[in-house]
C-alpha atoms as a PDB file:
ATOM      1  CA  MET A   1      96.160  75.180 163.251  1.00  0.00           C
ATOM      2  CA  PHE A   2      93.388  77.357 164.609  1.00  0.00           C
ATOM      3  CA  LEU A   3      89.918  75.923 165.299  1.00  0.00           C
ATOM      4  CA  ASN A   4      86.849  78.141 165.453  1.00  0.00           C
ATOM      5  CA  ASN A   5      84.850  75.486 167.303  1.00  0.00           C
ATOM      6  CA  SER A   6      85.697  72.444 169.374  1.00  0.00           C
ATOM      7  CA  ILE A   7      85.534  69.097 167.598  1.00  0.00           C
ATOM      8  CA  LYS A   8      83.185  66.568 169.107  1.00  0.00           C
ATOM      9  CA  GLY A   9      83.630  62.845 168.479  1.00  0.00           C
ATOM     10  CA  PHE A  10      87.014  63.157 166.756  1.00  0.00           C
ATOM     11  CA  SER A  11      88.206  59.828 168.177  1.00  0.00           C
ATOM     12  CA  LYS A  12      85.171  58.091 166.645  1.00  0.00           C
ATOM     13  CA  LEU A  13      86.072  59.204 163.102  1.00  0.00           C
ATOM     14  CA  THR A  14      87.936  56.933 160.707  1.00  0.00           C
ATOM     15  CA  LYS A  15      91.580  57.675 159.996  1.00  0.00           C
ATOM     16  CA  GLU A  16      90.621  59.073 156.575  1.00  0.00           C
ATOM     17  CA  GLU A  17      87.957  61.338 158.102  1.00  0.00           C
ATOM     18  CA  LYS A  18      90.428  62.630 160.712  1.00  0.00           C
ATOM     19  CA  LEU A  19      93.030  63.216 158.032  1.00  0.00           C
ATOM     20  CA  LYS A  20      90.581  65.172 155.856  1.00  0.00           C
ATOM     21  CA  LEU A  21      89.446  67.263 158.814  1.00  0.00           C
ATOM     22  CA  VAL A  22      93.063  68.186 159.607  1.00  0.00           C
ATOM     23  CA  ALA A  23      94.008  68.779 155.963  1.00  0.00           C
ATOM     24  CA  ASP A  24      91.017  71.101 155.503  1.00  0.00           C
ATOM     25  CA  HIS A  25      92.720  73.545 157.882  1.00  0.00           C
ATOM     26  CA  PHE A  26      95.630  74.019 155.473  1.00  0.00           C
ATOM     27  CA  GLN A  27      95.644  76.531 152.628  1.00  0.00           C
ATOM     28  CA  ASP A  28      96.195  73.718 150.107  1.00  0.00           C
ATOM     29  CA  SER A  29      94.298  70.775 151.610  1.00  0.00           C
ATOM     30  CA  ALA A  30      95.120  68.442 148.693  1.00  0.00           C
ATOM     31  CA  LEU A  31      98.849  69.039 149.176  1.00  0.00           C
ATOM     32  CA  ALA A  32      98.495  68.589 152.947  1.00  0.00           C
ATOM     33  CA  LEU A  33      96.721  65.233 152.401  1.00  0.00           C
ATOM     34  CA  GLU A  34      99.444  64.136 150.000  1.00  0.00           C
ATOM     35  CA  GLU A  35     102.228  65.158 152.371  1.00  0.00           C
ATOM     36  CA  LEU A  36     100.665  63.444 155.388  1.00  0.00           C
ATOM     37  CA  LYS A  37      99.958  60.241 153.445  1.00  0.00           C
ATOM     38  CA  ASP A  38     103.494  60.276 152.051  1.00  0.00           C
ATOM     39  CA  PHE A  39     104.765  59.311 155.523  1.00  0.00           C
ATOM     40  CA  TRP A  40     102.520  56.227 155.769  1.00  0.00           C
ATOM     41  CA  HIS A  41     104.293  52.891 155.682  1.00  0.00           C
ATOM     42  CA  SER A  42     103.934  51.079 152.336  1.00  0.00           C
ATOM     43  CA  ASP A  43     103.178  47.804 154.147  1.00  0.00           C
ATOM     44  CA  ASN A  44      99.577  48.062 155.426  1.00  0.00           C
ATOM     45  CA  GLN A  45     100.201  45.600 158.279  1.00  0.00           C
ATOM     46  CA  LYS A  46     103.139  47.650 159.543  1.00  0.00           C
ATOM     47  CA  GLN A  47     101.161  50.867 159.173  1.00  0.00           C
ATOM     48  CA  LYS A  48      98.375  49.302 161.234  1.00  0.00           C
ATOM     49  CA  LEU A  49     100.926  48.755 164.035  1.00  0.00           C
ATOM     50  CA  PHE A  50     101.953  52.408 163.873  1.00  0.00           C
ATOM     51  CA  ASP A  51      98.308  53.468 163.986  1.00  0.00           C
ATOM     52  CA  GLU A  52      97.751  51.420 167.144  1.00  0.00           C
ATOM     53  CA  PHE A  53     100.678  53.007 169.026  1.00  0.00           C
ATOM     54  CA  SER A  54      98.689  56.126 169.755  1.00  0.00           C
ATOM     55  CA  GLU A  55      95.241  57.680 169.589  1.00  0.00           C
ATOM     56  CA  ASN A  56      93.892  59.730 166.676  1.00  0.00           C
ATOM     57  CA  THR A  57      96.776  58.760 164.389  1.00  0.00           C
ATOM     58  CA  ILE A  58      96.726  60.448 160.984  1.00  0.00           C
ATOM     59  CA  SER A  59     100.324  59.961 159.829  1.00  0.00           C
ATOM     60  CA  ASN A  60     103.826  59.001 160.931  1.00  0.00           C
ATOM     61  CA  PHE A  61     106.640  61.308 161.894  1.00  0.00           C
ATOM     62  CA  TYR A  62     110.127  60.129 161.066  1.00  0.00           C
ATOM     63  CA  PHE A  63     113.201  60.910 163.113  1.00  0.00           C
ATOM     64  CA  PRO A  64     116.789  59.946 162.379  1.00  0.00           C
ATOM     65  CA  PHE A  65     117.684  56.537 163.819  1.00  0.00           C
ATOM     66  CA  GLY A  66     121.285  56.475 165.030  1.00  0.00           C
ATOM     67  CA  VAL A  67     123.378  54.335 167.329  1.00  0.00           C
ATOM     68  CA  ALA A  68     125.850  55.042 170.113  1.00  0.00           C
ATOM     69  CA  PRO A  69     128.509  52.312 169.752  1.00  0.00           C
ATOM     70  CA  ASN A  70     130.923  50.926 172.348  1.00  0.00           C
ATOM     71  CA  MET A  71     128.491  50.969 175.273  1.00  0.00           C
ATOM     72  CA  THR A  72     129.888  48.415 177.718  1.00  0.00           C
ATOM     73  CA  ILE A  73     127.229  47.103 180.078  1.00  0.00           C
ATOM     74  CA  ASN A  74     127.971  44.225 182.445  1.00  0.00           C
ATOM     75  CA  GLY A  75     131.078  43.320 180.457  1.00  0.00           C
ATOM     76  CA  LYS A  76     129.360  43.163 177.050  1.00  0.00           C
ATOM     77  CA  ASN A  77     129.593  45.717 174.263  1.00  0.00           C
ATOM     78  CA  TYR A  78     126.404  47.126 172.788  1.00  0.00           C
ATOM     79  CA  MET A  79     125.294  49.624 170.188  1.00  0.00           C
ATOM     80  CA  ILE A  80     122.489  51.638 171.775  1.00  0.00           C
ATOM     81  CA  PRO A  81     119.759  52.710 169.336  1.00  0.00           C
ATOM     82  CA  MET A  82     118.729  56.334 169.617  1.00  0.00           C
ATOM     83  CA  VAL A  83     115.912  58.111 167.789  1.00  0.00           C
ATOM     84  CA  ILE A  84     116.524  61.826 168.093  1.00  0.00           C
ATOM     85  CA  GLU A  85     116.965  64.827 165.837  1.00  0.00           C
ATOM     86  CA  GLU A  86     119.822  66.250 167.911  1.00  0.00           C
ATOM     87  CA  SER A  87     123.107  64.815 166.630  1.00  0.00           C
ATOM     88  CA  SER A  88     125.127  66.179 169.573  1.00  0.00           C
ATOM     89  CA  VAL A  89     123.218  63.863 171.950  1.00  0.00           C
ATOM     90  CA  ILE A  90     124.352  60.776 170.023  1.00  0.00           C
ATOM     91  CA  ALA A  91     127.876  62.177 169.741  1.00  0.00           C
ATOM     92  CA  ALA A  92     128.011  62.813 173.510  1.00  0.00           C
ATOM     93  CA  ALA A  93     126.630  59.340 174.288  1.00  0.00           C
ATOM     94  CA  SER A  94     129.203  57.768 171.957  1.00  0.00           C
ATOM     95  CA  SER A  95     132.020  59.774 173.493  1.00  0.00           C
ATOM     96  CA  SER A  96     131.011  58.942 177.060  1.00  0.00           C
ATOM     97  CA  ALA A  97     130.521  55.274 176.113  1.00  0.00           C
ATOM     98  CA  LYS A  98     134.120  55.132 174.895  1.00  0.00           C
ATOM     99  CA  PHE A  99     135.350  56.947 178.016  1.00  0.00           C
ATOM    100  CA  TRP A 100     133.540  54.576 180.399  1.00  0.00           C
ATOM    101  CA  ALA A 101     134.321  51.453 178.356  1.00  0.00           C
ATOM    102  CA  GLU A 102     138.026  52.130 178.970  1.00  0.00           C
ATOM    103  CA  ARG A 103     137.213  52.201 182.704  1.00  0.00           C
ATOM    104  CA  GLY A 104     135.170  49.005 182.872  1.00  0.00           C
ATOM    105  CA  GLY A 105     131.869  50.244 181.492  1.00  0.00           C
ATOM    106  CA  PHE A 106     128.542  50.334 183.266  1.00  0.00           C
ATOM    107  CA  LYS A 107     127.136  47.797 185.687  1.00  0.00           C
ATOM    108  CA  ALA A 108     123.391  47.197 185.667  1.00  0.00           C
ATOM    109  CA  GLU A 109     121.092  44.978 187.695  1.00  0.00           C
ATOM    110  CA  ILE A 110     117.401  44.247 187.279  1.00  0.00           C
ATOM    111  CA  ILE A 111     115.762  44.809 190.641  1.00  0.00           C
ATOM    112  CA  SER A 112     112.164  44.137 189.611  1.00  0.00           C
ATOM    113  CA  THR A 113     109.969  43.843 186.535  1.00  0.00           C
ATOM    114  CA  GLU A 114     106.802  44.706 188.420  1.00  0.00           C
ATOM    115  CA  LYS A 115     105.055  47.885 187.332  1.00  0.00           C
ATOM    116  CA  ILE A 116     102.947  50.001 189.603  1.00  0.00           C
ATOM    117  CA  GLY A 117      99.728  51.634 188.477  1.00  0.00           C
ATOM    118  CA  GLN A 118      96.918  53.524 190.092  1.00  0.00           C
ATOM    119  CA  PHE A 119      93.194  53.829 189.710  1.00  0.00           C
ATOM    120  CA  TYR A 120      90.604  55.713 191.688  1.00  0.00           C
ATOM    121  CA  PHE A 121      87.085  54.929 192.815  1.00  0.00           C
ATOM    122  CA  PHE A 122      84.535  57.412 194.054  1.00  0.00           C
ATOM    123  CA  ILE A 123      82.310  55.465 196.412  1.00  0.00           C
ATOM    124  CA  SER A 124      79.676  56.395 198.889  1.00  0.00           C
ATOM    125  CA  VAL A 125      80.655  55.457 202.465  1.00  0.00           C
ATOM    126  CA  ALA A 126      77.498  53.357 202.651  1.00  0.00           C
ATOM    127  CA  TYR A 127      78.902  51.020 199.961  1.00  0.00           C
ATOM    128  CA  MET A 128      82.512  50.885 201.210  1.00  0.00           C
ATOM    129  CA  LYS A 129      82.204  47.501 202.960  1.00  0.00           C
ATOM    130  CA  HIS A 130      80.633  45.913 199.871  1.00  0.00           C
ATOM    131  CA  PHE A 131      83.271  47.517 197.630  1.00  0.00           C
ATOM    132  CA  LEU A 132      86.207  46.220 199.694  1.00  0.00           C
ATOM    133  CA  PHE A 133      84.695  42.728 199.823  1.00  0.00           C
ATOM    134  CA  THR A 134      84.325  42.773 196.038  1.00  0.00           C
ATOM    135  CA  ILE A 135      87.889  43.960 195.406  1.00  0.00           C
ATOM    136  CA  PHE A 136      89.568  41.475 197.723  1.00  0.00           C
ATOM    137  CA  PHE A 137      87.505  38.384 196.984  1.00  0.00           C
ATOM    138  CA  PHE A 138      86.486  38.810 193.344  1.00  0.00           C
ATOM    139  CA  ASP A 139      89.545  40.420 191.737  1.00  0.00           C
ATOM    140  CA  ASP A 140      89.648  37.857 188.859  1.00  0.00           C
ATOM    141  CA  ARG A 141      85.998  38.506 188.072  1.00  0.00           C
ATOM    142  CA  ILE A 142      86.654  42.231 188.067  1.00  0.00           C
ATOM    143  CA  LEU A 143      89.403  41.755 185.479  1.00  0.00           C
ATOM    144  CA  ILE A 144      87.093  39.695 183.295  1.00  0.00           C
ATOM    145  CA  ARG A 145      84.251  42.219 183.537  1.00  0.00           C
ATOM    146  CA  THR A 146      86.538  45.164 182.764  1.00  0.00           C
ATOM    147  CA  ARG A 147      88.286  43.474 179.838  1.00  0.00           C
ATOM    148  CA  ALA A 148      86.372  45.646 177.361  1.00  0.00           C
ATOM    149  CA  VAL A 149      87.913  48.711 178.980  1.00  0.00           C
ATOM    150  CA  ASN A 150      91.396  47.423 179.766  1.00  0.00           C
ATOM    151  CA  GLY A 151      91.797  44.960 176.860  1.00  0.00           C
ATOM    152  CA  LYS A 152      94.375  47.063 175.039  1.00  0.00           C
ATOM    153  CA  LEU A 153      96.428  47.446 178.213  1.00  0.00           C
ATOM    154  CA  ILE A 154      96.427  43.698 178.762  1.00  0.00           C
ATOM    155  CA  CYS A 155      97.463  43.110 175.125  1.00  0.00           C
ATOM    156  CA  ARG A 156     100.364  45.558 175.477  1.00  0.00           C
ATOM    157  CA  GLN A 157     101.666  43.719 178.552  1.00  0.00           C
ATOM    158  CA  SER A 158     101.727  40.275 176.960  1.00  0.00           C
END
């Protein structure tokens, strides 16, 4: 899909407006719209969940959903779900699961559930002391004041 000009404000468009803009780049835009909408979930609530998984969502893209059976982990047997278009990956996982199951399977241990993230600040040296004081003594207030920005991240963690 070749664009003559850059698109400004694409993320601010509605899903329908984004879809039309994309479809207009196809030779048969009506067919493109139909094809893209054909992959939408029939349940609007479920489709809304799909739309919130990513940015600038215009449609869904289906992949085969398979399982690798006989995966023994910590003495219990599992079927591991796999979403991939390459059948040999599932076949290899299934084969190795059987091989290792006959030898006791896999052992797993949760070491930590803490996730590490990073953020950067560009601060003038003159304000460094004030900045550090704010971070260390008002961290709860910072979270509250930045909720508009990080609200979706907080929702995804709960």
